[in-house]
Protein backbone atom coordinates (compact mmCIF):
# COMPACT_ATOMS: atom_id res chain seq x y z
CA MET A 1 70.08 -113.06 55.36
CA LEU A 2 68.21 -109.85 56.15
CA THR A 3 66.22 -108.91 59.21
CA THR A 4 64.22 -105.69 59.31
CA GLY A 5 63.84 -103.00 61.90
CA LEU A 6 63.76 -99.38 63.00
CA VAL A 7 66.43 -97.06 64.36
CA SER A 8 64.67 -95.69 67.44
CA ILE A 9 66.08 -92.16 67.07
CA THR A 10 63.83 -91.83 64.02
CA PHE A 11 61.18 -91.06 66.65
CA ARG A 12 62.96 -89.30 69.48
CA GLN A 13 59.61 -87.78 70.46
CA LEU A 14 58.10 -91.20 71.25
CA THR A 15 58.57 -93.31 74.36
CA PRO A 16 60.13 -96.77 74.13
CA ALA A 17 56.70 -98.32 74.68
CA GLN A 18 55.27 -96.31 71.78
CA ILE A 19 58.16 -97.33 69.55
CA VAL A 20 57.72 -101.00 70.42
CA GLN A 21 54.02 -100.75 69.61
CA LEU A 22 54.76 -99.06 66.29
CA VAL A 23 57.38 -101.62 65.22
CA SER A 24 55.05 -104.44 66.21
CA GLN A 25 52.28 -102.88 64.15
CA ALA A 26 54.68 -102.64 61.20
CA LYS A 27 55.57 -106.34 61.61
CA LEU A 28 59.30 -105.67 61.49
CA ASP A 29 61.79 -107.87 63.32
CA GLY A 30 63.34 -105.49 65.82
CA ILE A 31 64.85 -102.20 66.92
CA GLU A 32 68.20 -100.45 67.16
CA TRP A 33 67.84 -98.50 70.42
CA GLY A 34 69.45 -95.07 70.61
CA GLY A 35 71.74 -94.02 73.44
CA ASP A 36 70.90 -90.33 73.39
CA VAL A 37 67.22 -90.45 74.42
CA HIS A 38 65.68 -93.89 74.80
CA VAL A 39 68.51 -95.85 76.50
CA PRO A 40 71.08 -93.37 77.88
CA HIS A 41 74.65 -94.45 78.63
CA GLY A 42 74.97 -95.92 82.10
CA ASP A 43 71.25 -96.21 82.80
CA VAL A 44 71.29 -99.96 83.26
CA ALA A 45 67.80 -100.06 84.79
CA GLN A 46 66.34 -98.31 81.75
CA ALA A 47 68.25 -100.66 79.44
CA ARG A 48 66.82 -103.70 81.21
CA ALA A 49 63.31 -102.26 81.07
CA VAL A 50 63.58 -101.51 77.35
CA LYS A 51 65.02 -104.96 76.68
CA GLN A 52 62.05 -106.52 78.44
CA LEU A 53 59.56 -104.32 76.55
CA THR A 54 61.17 -105.37 73.28
CA GLN A 55 61.26 -109.07 74.07
CA ASP A 56 57.73 -109.14 75.48
CA ALA A 57 56.51 -107.83 72.12
CA GLY A 58 58.29 -110.64 70.30
CA LEU A 59 60.86 -108.23 68.84
CA GLN A 60 64.65 -108.36 68.73
CA VAL A 61 67.12 -105.83 70.07
CA LEU A 62 69.16 -105.49 66.88
CA ALA A 63 71.77 -102.96 68.03
CA TYR A 64 72.62 -100.18 70.46
CA GLY A 65 73.12 -96.86 68.67
CA SER A 66 75.41 -95.44 71.32
CA TYR A 67 76.63 -92.17 69.81
CA PHE A 68 79.96 -92.90 71.51
CA ARG A 69 82.45 -90.89 69.44
CA LEU A 70 85.88 -92.41 70.15
CA ARG A 71 87.18 -89.19 71.69
CA GLU A 72 89.79 -89.02 74.43
CA ASP A 73 87.29 -87.57 76.90
CA GLU A 74 84.65 -90.32 76.55
CA ALA A 75 84.51 -93.50 78.62
CA PHE A 76 83.32 -96.69 76.93
CA GLU A 77 82.58 -98.64 80.09
CA PRO A 78 79.09 -97.11 80.69
CA VAL A 79 78.23 -97.73 77.04
CA LEU A 80 79.23 -101.37 77.26
CA ALA A 81 77.40 -101.92 80.56
CA THR A 82 74.25 -100.49 78.99
CA ALA A 83 74.58 -102.65 75.88
CA ILE A 84 75.00 -105.74 78.07
CA ALA A 85 71.84 -104.89 80.03
CA LEU A 86 69.99 -104.22 76.78
CA ARG A 87 71.22 -107.56 75.37
CA ALA A 88 72.36 -105.76 72.23
CA PRO A 89 74.45 -107.88 69.86
CA LEU A 90 76.08 -104.79 68.33
CA ILE A 91 77.17 -101.32 69.48
CA ARG A 92 77.24 -98.50 66.93
CA VAL A 93 79.98 -95.91 67.51
CA TRP A 94 81.29 -92.87 65.64
CA ALA A 95 84.88 -92.66 64.40
CA GLY A 96 85.72 -89.33 65.98
CA ASN A 97 84.15 -85.97 65.24
CA GLN A 98 86.26 -84.56 62.42
CA ALA A 99 86.36 -85.08 58.68
CA SER A 100 89.03 -87.56 57.61
CA SER A 101 90.74 -84.83 55.58
CA LEU A 102 91.40 -82.91 58.82
CA VAL A 103 92.75 -85.82 60.87
CA ASP A 104 96.51 -86.31 60.99
CA GLU A 105 98.17 -89.70 61.26
CA ALA A 106 98.69 -89.44 65.03
CA ALA A 107 94.99 -88.78 65.63
CA HIS A 108 94.06 -91.55 63.20
CA GLU A 109 96.24 -94.00 65.13
CA ARG A 110 94.71 -92.93 68.44
CA ILE A 111 91.21 -93.64 67.11
CA ALA A 112 92.36 -96.96 65.63
CA THR A 113 94.02 -97.95 68.92
CA ASP A 114 90.91 -97.02 70.89
CA SER A 115 88.79 -98.94 68.38
CA ARG A 116 90.83 -102.06 68.98
CA ARG A 117 90.47 -101.57 72.74
CA ILE A 118 86.69 -101.19 72.77
CA ALA A 119 86.21 -104.02 70.25
CA GLU A 120 88.19 -106.31 72.52
CA MET A 121 86.22 -105.21 75.59
CA ALA A 122 82.89 -105.76 73.85
CA GLY A 123 84.06 -108.99 72.25
CA ARG A 124 84.66 -110.52 75.68
CA GLU A 125 80.92 -110.03 76.25
CA GLY A 126 79.97 -111.46 72.85
CA ILE A 127 79.11 -108.02 71.45
CA ARG A 128 80.35 -106.61 68.14
CA VAL A 129 81.23 -102.95 67.56
CA ALA A 130 80.67 -101.13 64.27
CA TYR A 131 81.38 -97.63 63.02
CA GLU A 132 78.66 -95.26 61.91
CA PHE A 133 79.18 -94.62 58.16
CA HIS A 134 78.97 -90.84 58.31
CA GLY A 135 80.32 -87.46 57.30
CA ASN A 136 82.75 -85.54 59.52
CA THR A 137 84.23 -88.76 60.91
CA LEU A 138 86.94 -91.14 59.74
CA THR A 139 84.29 -93.05 57.79
CA ASP A 140 83.31 -90.12 55.58
CA THR A 141 84.93 -91.60 52.46
CA LEU A 142 85.35 -95.17 51.27
CA GLU A 143 89.14 -94.86 51.26
CA SER A 144 89.27 -93.57 54.83
CA THR A 145 86.78 -96.21 56.03
CA LEU A 146 88.83 -99.05 54.58
CA HIS A 147 92.05 -97.56 56.00
CA LEU A 148 90.51 -97.43 59.47
CA LEU A 149 89.06 -100.94 59.21
CA ASP A 150 92.49 -102.24 58.21
CA ALA A 151 93.95 -100.60 61.31
CA ALA A 152 91.24 -102.05 63.58
CA PRO A 153 90.54 -105.59 62.31
CA GLN A 154 88.00 -106.45 65.03
CA MET A 155 85.71 -103.58 64.05
CA GLN A 156 82.85 -103.62 61.57
CA THR A 157 81.03 -100.80 59.82
CA LEU A 158 77.48 -99.84 59.05
CA TRP A 159 76.48 -98.49 55.65
CA GLN A 160 74.05 -95.87 54.44
CA PRO A 161 73.90 -94.21 51.02
CA PRO A 162 76.54 -91.44 50.91
CA GLN A 163 75.02 -88.27 49.55
CA GLY A 164 76.44 -86.70 46.42
CA LEU A 165 77.72 -89.93 44.86
CA THR A 166 76.37 -91.71 41.81
CA GLU A 167 74.46 -94.95 42.24
CA ASP A 168 77.40 -96.84 40.73
CA ALA A 169 79.80 -95.26 43.21
CA GLN A 170 77.49 -96.07 46.10
CA LEU A 171 77.26 -99.70 45.04
CA GLU A 172 81.03 -99.89 44.62
CA GLY A 173 81.45 -98.62 48.17
CA LEU A 174 78.90 -101.05 49.58
CA ARG A 175 80.59 -103.93 47.78
CA ALA A 176 83.97 -102.87 49.17
CA VAL A 177 82.82 -102.81 52.81
CA LEU A 178 80.59 -105.89 52.55
CA PRO A 179 83.15 -108.25 54.17
CA ARG A 180 83.12 -106.00 57.25
CA LEU A 181 79.49 -104.91 57.09
CA ALA A 182 77.23 -105.03 60.14
CA ASN A 183 73.88 -103.42 59.35
CA VAL A 184 72.40 -101.00 56.82
CA HIS A 185 70.50 -97.82 57.63
CA VAL A 186 67.73 -97.41 55.11
CA PHE A 187 66.30 -94.02 54.10
CA GLN A 188 65.52 -92.10 50.93
CA TRP A 189 66.62 -88.49 50.50
CA HIS A 190 66.40 -86.30 47.41
CA GLY A 191 68.71 -83.54 46.22
CA PRO A 192 71.22 -81.37 48.06
CA GLU A 193 68.47 -80.26 50.46
CA ARG A 194 68.17 -83.91 51.55
CA THR A 195 64.41 -83.81 51.27
CA ARG A 196 62.96 -86.91 52.90
CA MET A 197 61.04 -89.12 50.51
CA PRO A 198 59.02 -92.33 50.87
CA LEU A 199 61.26 -95.39 50.58
CA SER A 200 59.33 -96.46 47.51
CA ALA A 201 60.92 -93.54 45.63
CA GLY A 202 64.22 -95.42 45.80
CA ASP A 203 62.83 -98.80 44.77
CA THR A 204 65.37 -99.70 42.06
CA ALA A 205 68.44 -98.56 43.99
CA TRP A 206 67.45 -100.14 47.28
CA ARG A 207 66.48 -103.45 45.71
CA GLU A 208 69.97 -103.67 44.21
CA ARG A 209 71.71 -102.67 47.43
CA LEU A 210 69.78 -105.06 49.65
CA SER A 211 70.10 -107.88 47.13
CA MET A 212 73.87 -107.49 47.38
CA VAL A 213 73.76 -107.52 51.18
CA ALA A 214 71.40 -110.51 51.31
CA GLN A 215 73.83 -112.60 49.26
CA ASP A 216 76.37 -112.42 52.08
CA VAL A 217 76.35 -115.54 54.25
CA ARG A 218 76.30 -113.46 57.44
CA ALA A 219 73.11 -111.99 58.90
CA HIS A 220 72.48 -108.25 58.52
CA ALA A 221 69.70 -105.93 59.61
CA ALA A 222 68.13 -103.36 57.31
CA LEU A 223 67.00 -100.57 59.62
CA ILE A 224 64.69 -97.70 58.69
CA GLU A 225 66.08 -94.32 59.73
CA PHE A 226 64.42 -90.96 58.96
CA VAL A 227 60.89 -90.86 57.56
CA THR A 228 58.87 -88.15 55.84
CA GLY A 229 57.67 -85.57 58.34
CA ASP A 230 58.77 -87.73 61.30
CA ASP A 231 55.32 -89.25 60.81
CA PRO A 232 54.49 -92.74 62.19
CA ALA A 233 52.06 -93.23 59.29
CA ALA A 234 54.91 -92.61 56.82
CA PHE A 235 56.99 -95.15 58.73
CA LEU A 236 54.30 -97.81 58.42
CA LYS A 237 54.25 -97.30 54.64
CA ASP A 238 58.06 -97.45 54.50
CA ALA A 239 58.04 -100.60 56.62
CA ALA A 240 55.71 -102.31 54.16
CA THR A 241 58.08 -101.36 51.34
CA LEU A 242 61.12 -102.63 53.25
CA GLN A 243 59.46 -105.96 53.92
CA ILE A 244 58.98 -106.47 50.19
CA TRP A 245 62.64 -105.65 49.50
CA ALA A 246 63.82 -107.96 52.30
CA LEU A 247 62.35 -110.94 50.48
CA VAL A 248 65.18 -110.85 47.90
């Protein structure tokens, strides 16, 4: 089953109220709220206010994009307290801040151990934790992602199309992480310059990806992230496209 939404950091320049209005206008299901601007770590009052704004508009809080990086100098407790106040069902975290090729086994084990710790903490509150699927972290390749997930069985992962891979390779990777998949970040880039394109430019590829995700018995959110020109009008067009795809 697929729900639809927006990653709030797509519009860092907008207030939470403006983002809620925009997502309501787009007729999407909900929002992943970002922890860097809209709902900062530890600001429980802001989290409660944003939760209320979201719910009053008939929208869901789909996740908390925390930007917590599983580093030794970062505390998870403020992140979790904020997610609880936000009523987020999922916290998105980053698996360190180095490429997997640069991380030795001791550092890998530290991140895996910390992953197990925060997943257990969040799990006691009924909240899941998932890795960002991203370069320069331990989820920058399929092999490294699966290795880390094996070491931290309570964790999940997000997915977004890895740049520089063929469509077949991207689908193979999505299929491999599907049993541990949380949500999908949806955007369309072109070429090594990563030029932002309308979602409709990726119609064939995204239909196949989301069809695969929708066949899973668990619920997943397809969340728009990055739009052409950071333009709300471009987002509304992309949202209409995503709604069509979500009917698979």
